[in-house]
Amino acid sequence: MTTTCQHVAELGAEPAPTTPEGCEDCLAEGGRWVHLRLCLGCGKVACCDSSPAKHASKHFADEAHPIMRSFEPGETWRWCFVDNTVV
């Protein structure tokens, strides 16, 4: 089930992924990821909370970009970190 939040209305065009080949930070650090997320604020590709480094959550904490979407093939769901919900 998806809900709406005020942050969805603030989204512009979807940004191009900064590193379509994987998690930007894991690639730089030589780390590994489980699933990928795309920040809809800036296009950063980051790893999910099931990944060892949890870069998507760290990106939200550092930058306050509220919504990320799954960057996995065939998945289109979006997550709002502020409202803690699928949107």
C-alpha atoms as a PDB file:
ATOM      1  CA  MET A   1       0.000   0.000   0.000  1.00  0.00           C
ATOM      2  CA  THR A   2       1.268   3.473  -0.803  1.00  0.00           C
ATOM      3  CA  THR A   3       0.377   6.744   0.822  1.00  0.00           C
ATOM      4  CA  THR A   4       1.024  10.329  -0.106  1.00  0.00           C
ATOM      5  CA  CYS A   5       3.081  12.910   1.694  1.00  0.00           C
ATOM      6  CA  GLN A   6       3.907  16.558   1.124  1.00  0.00           C
ATOM      7  CA  HIS A   7       7.350  15.611  -0.161  1.00  0.00           C
ATOM      8  CA  VAL A   8       5.958  13.868  -3.265  1.00  0.00           C
ATOM      9  CA  ALA A   9       4.473  17.169  -4.450  1.00  0.00           C
ATOM     10  CA  GLU A  10       7.922  18.762  -4.143  1.00  0.00           C
ATOM     11  CA  LEU A  11       9.561  16.289  -6.549  1.00  0.00           C
ATOM     12  CA  GLY A  12      10.701  17.583  -9.905  1.00  0.00           C
ATOM     13  CA  ALA A  13      11.856  15.519 -12.862  1.00  0.00           C
ATOM     14  CA  GLU A  14      13.667  12.373 -11.857  1.00  0.00           C
ATOM     15  CA  PRO A  15      17.404  13.059 -11.769  1.00  0.00           C
ATOM     16  CA  ALA A  16      19.855  10.934 -13.714  1.00  0.00           C
ATOM     17  CA  PRO A  17      21.635   8.361 -11.530  1.00  0.00           C
ATOM     18  CA  THR A  18      25.151   9.455 -10.585  1.00  0.00           C
ATOM     19  CA  THR A  19      26.522   5.903 -10.676  1.00  0.00           C
ATOM     20  CA  PRO A  20      24.151   3.588 -12.561  1.00  0.00           C
ATOM     21  CA  GLU A  21      26.574   0.702 -12.033  1.00  0.00           C
ATOM     22  CA  GLY A  22      26.097   0.604  -8.246  1.00  0.00           C
ATOM     23  CA  CYS A  23      26.223   2.346  -4.882  1.00  0.00           C
ATOM     24  CA  GLU A  24      28.373   5.450  -5.265  1.00  0.00           C
ATOM     25  CA  ASP A  25      29.945   5.158  -1.822  1.00  0.00           C
ATOM     26  CA  CYS A  26      30.454   1.379  -1.912  1.00  0.00           C
ATOM     27  CA  LEU A  27      32.146   1.691  -5.304  1.00  0.00           C
ATOM     28  CA  ALA A  28      34.493   4.352  -3.888  1.00  0.00           C
ATOM     29  CA  GLU A  29      35.209   2.351  -0.716  1.00  0.00           C
ATOM     30  CA  GLY A  30      35.366  -1.106  -2.253  1.00  0.00           C
ATOM     31  CA  GLY A  31      32.273  -2.159  -0.301  1.00  0.00           C
ATOM     32  CA  ARG A  32      29.317  -4.312  -1.269  1.00  0.00           C
ATOM     33  CA  TRP A  33      25.577  -3.755  -1.330  1.00  0.00           C
ATOM     34  CA  VAL A  34      22.384  -5.810  -1.240  1.00  0.00           C
ATOM     35  CA  HIS A  35      19.863  -3.518  -2.974  1.00  0.00           C
ATOM     36  CA  LEU A  36      20.136  -0.061  -4.488  1.00  0.00           C
ATOM     37  CA  ARG A  37      18.130   3.138  -4.026  1.00  0.00           C
ATOM     38  CA  LEU A  38      18.019   6.308  -6.146  1.00  0.00           C
ATOM     39  CA  CYS A  39      17.716   9.664  -4.400  1.00  0.00           C
ATOM     40  CA  LEU A  40      14.979  11.604  -6.142  1.00  0.00           C
ATOM     41  CA  GLY A  41      16.487  14.853  -4.890  1.00  0.00           C
ATOM     42  CA  CYS A  42      19.926  14.593  -6.468  1.00  0.00           C
ATOM     43  CA  GLY A  43      20.340  11.273  -8.317  1.00  0.00           C
ATOM     44  CA  LYS A  44      22.745   9.658  -5.851  1.00  0.00           C
ATOM     45  CA  VAL A  45      22.692   5.863  -6.030  1.00  0.00           C
ATOM     46  CA  ALA A  46      23.075   4.373  -2.550  1.00  0.00           C
ATOM     47  CA  CYS A  47      22.680   1.014  -0.851  1.00  0.00           C
ATOM     48  CA  CYS A  48      19.709  -0.013   1.288  1.00  0.00           C
ATOM     49  CA  ASP A  49      19.552  -0.686   5.018  1.00  0.00           C
ATOM     50  CA  SER A  50      20.037  -4.424   4.404  1.00  0.00           C
ATOM     51  CA  SER A  51      23.487  -3.552   3.055  1.00  0.00           C
ATOM     52  CA  PRO A  52      26.433  -3.361   5.465  1.00  0.00           C
ATOM     53  CA  ALA A  53      27.025   0.401   5.062  1.00  0.00           C
ATOM     54  CA  LYS A  54      23.387   1.615   4.740  1.00  0.00           C
ATOM     55  CA  HIS A  55      24.425   4.507   2.500  1.00  0.00           C
ATOM     56  CA  ALA A  56      20.852   5.487   1.508  1.00  0.00           C
ATOM     57  CA  SER A  57      19.923   6.220   5.125  1.00  0.00           C
ATOM     58  CA  LYS A  58      23.244   8.008   5.657  1.00  0.00           C
ATOM     59  CA  HIS A  59      22.566  10.143   2.587  1.00  0.00           C
ATOM     60  CA  PHE A  60      19.184  11.155   4.022  1.00  0.00           C
ATOM     61  CA  ALA A  61      20.790  11.981   7.383  1.00  0.00           C
ATOM     62  CA  ASP A  62      23.472  14.085   5.707  1.00  0.00           C
ATOM     63  CA  GLU A  63      21.482  15.799   2.953  1.00  0.00           C
ATOM     64  CA  ALA A  64      17.828  15.622   4.115  1.00  0.00           C
ATOM     65  CA  HIS A  65      16.613  14.593   0.653  1.00  0.00           C
ATOM     66  CA  PRO A  66      13.350  12.938   1.720  1.00  0.00           C
ATOM     67  CA  ILE A  67      12.454  10.471  -1.059  1.00  0.00           C
ATOM     68  CA  MET A  68      14.345   7.612  -2.651  1.00  0.00           C
ATOM     69  CA  ARG A  69      13.028   5.019  -5.025  1.00  0.00           C
ATOM     70  CA  SER A  70      14.118   1.479  -5.574  1.00  0.00           C
ATOM     71  CA  PHE A  71      16.887   1.283  -8.157  1.00  0.00           C
ATOM     72  CA  GLU A  72      16.323  -2.434  -8.694  1.00  0.00           C
ATOM     73  CA  PRO A  73      15.156  -3.687 -12.103  1.00  0.00           C
ATOM     74  CA  GLY A  74      11.362  -3.961 -12.287  1.00  0.00           C
ATOM     75  CA  GLU A  75      10.739  -2.088  -9.000  1.00  0.00           C
ATOM     76  CA  THR A  76       9.147   1.377  -8.927  1.00  0.00           C
ATOM     77  CA  TRP A  77       8.252   1.954  -5.264  1.00  0.00           C
ATOM     78  CA  ARG A  78       9.405   5.081  -3.453  1.00  0.00           C
ATOM     79  CA  TRP A  79      10.199   5.624   0.245  1.00  0.00           C
ATOM     80  CA  CYS A  80       9.862   8.857   2.209  1.00  0.00           C
ATOM     81  CA  PHE A  81      12.398   8.935   5.044  1.00  0.00           C
ATOM     82  CA  VAL A  82      10.655  11.861   6.744  1.00  0.00           C
ATOM     83  CA  ASP A  83       7.209  10.246   6.853  1.00  0.00           C
ATOM     84  CA  ASN A  84       8.632   6.701   7.184  1.00  0.00           C
ATOM     85  CA  THR A  85       6.303   5.362   4.499  1.00  0.00           C
ATOM     86  CA  VAL A  86       6.035   4.065   0.951  1.00  0.00           C
ATOM     87  CA  VAL A  87       4.745   6.855  -1.283  1.00  0.00           C
END
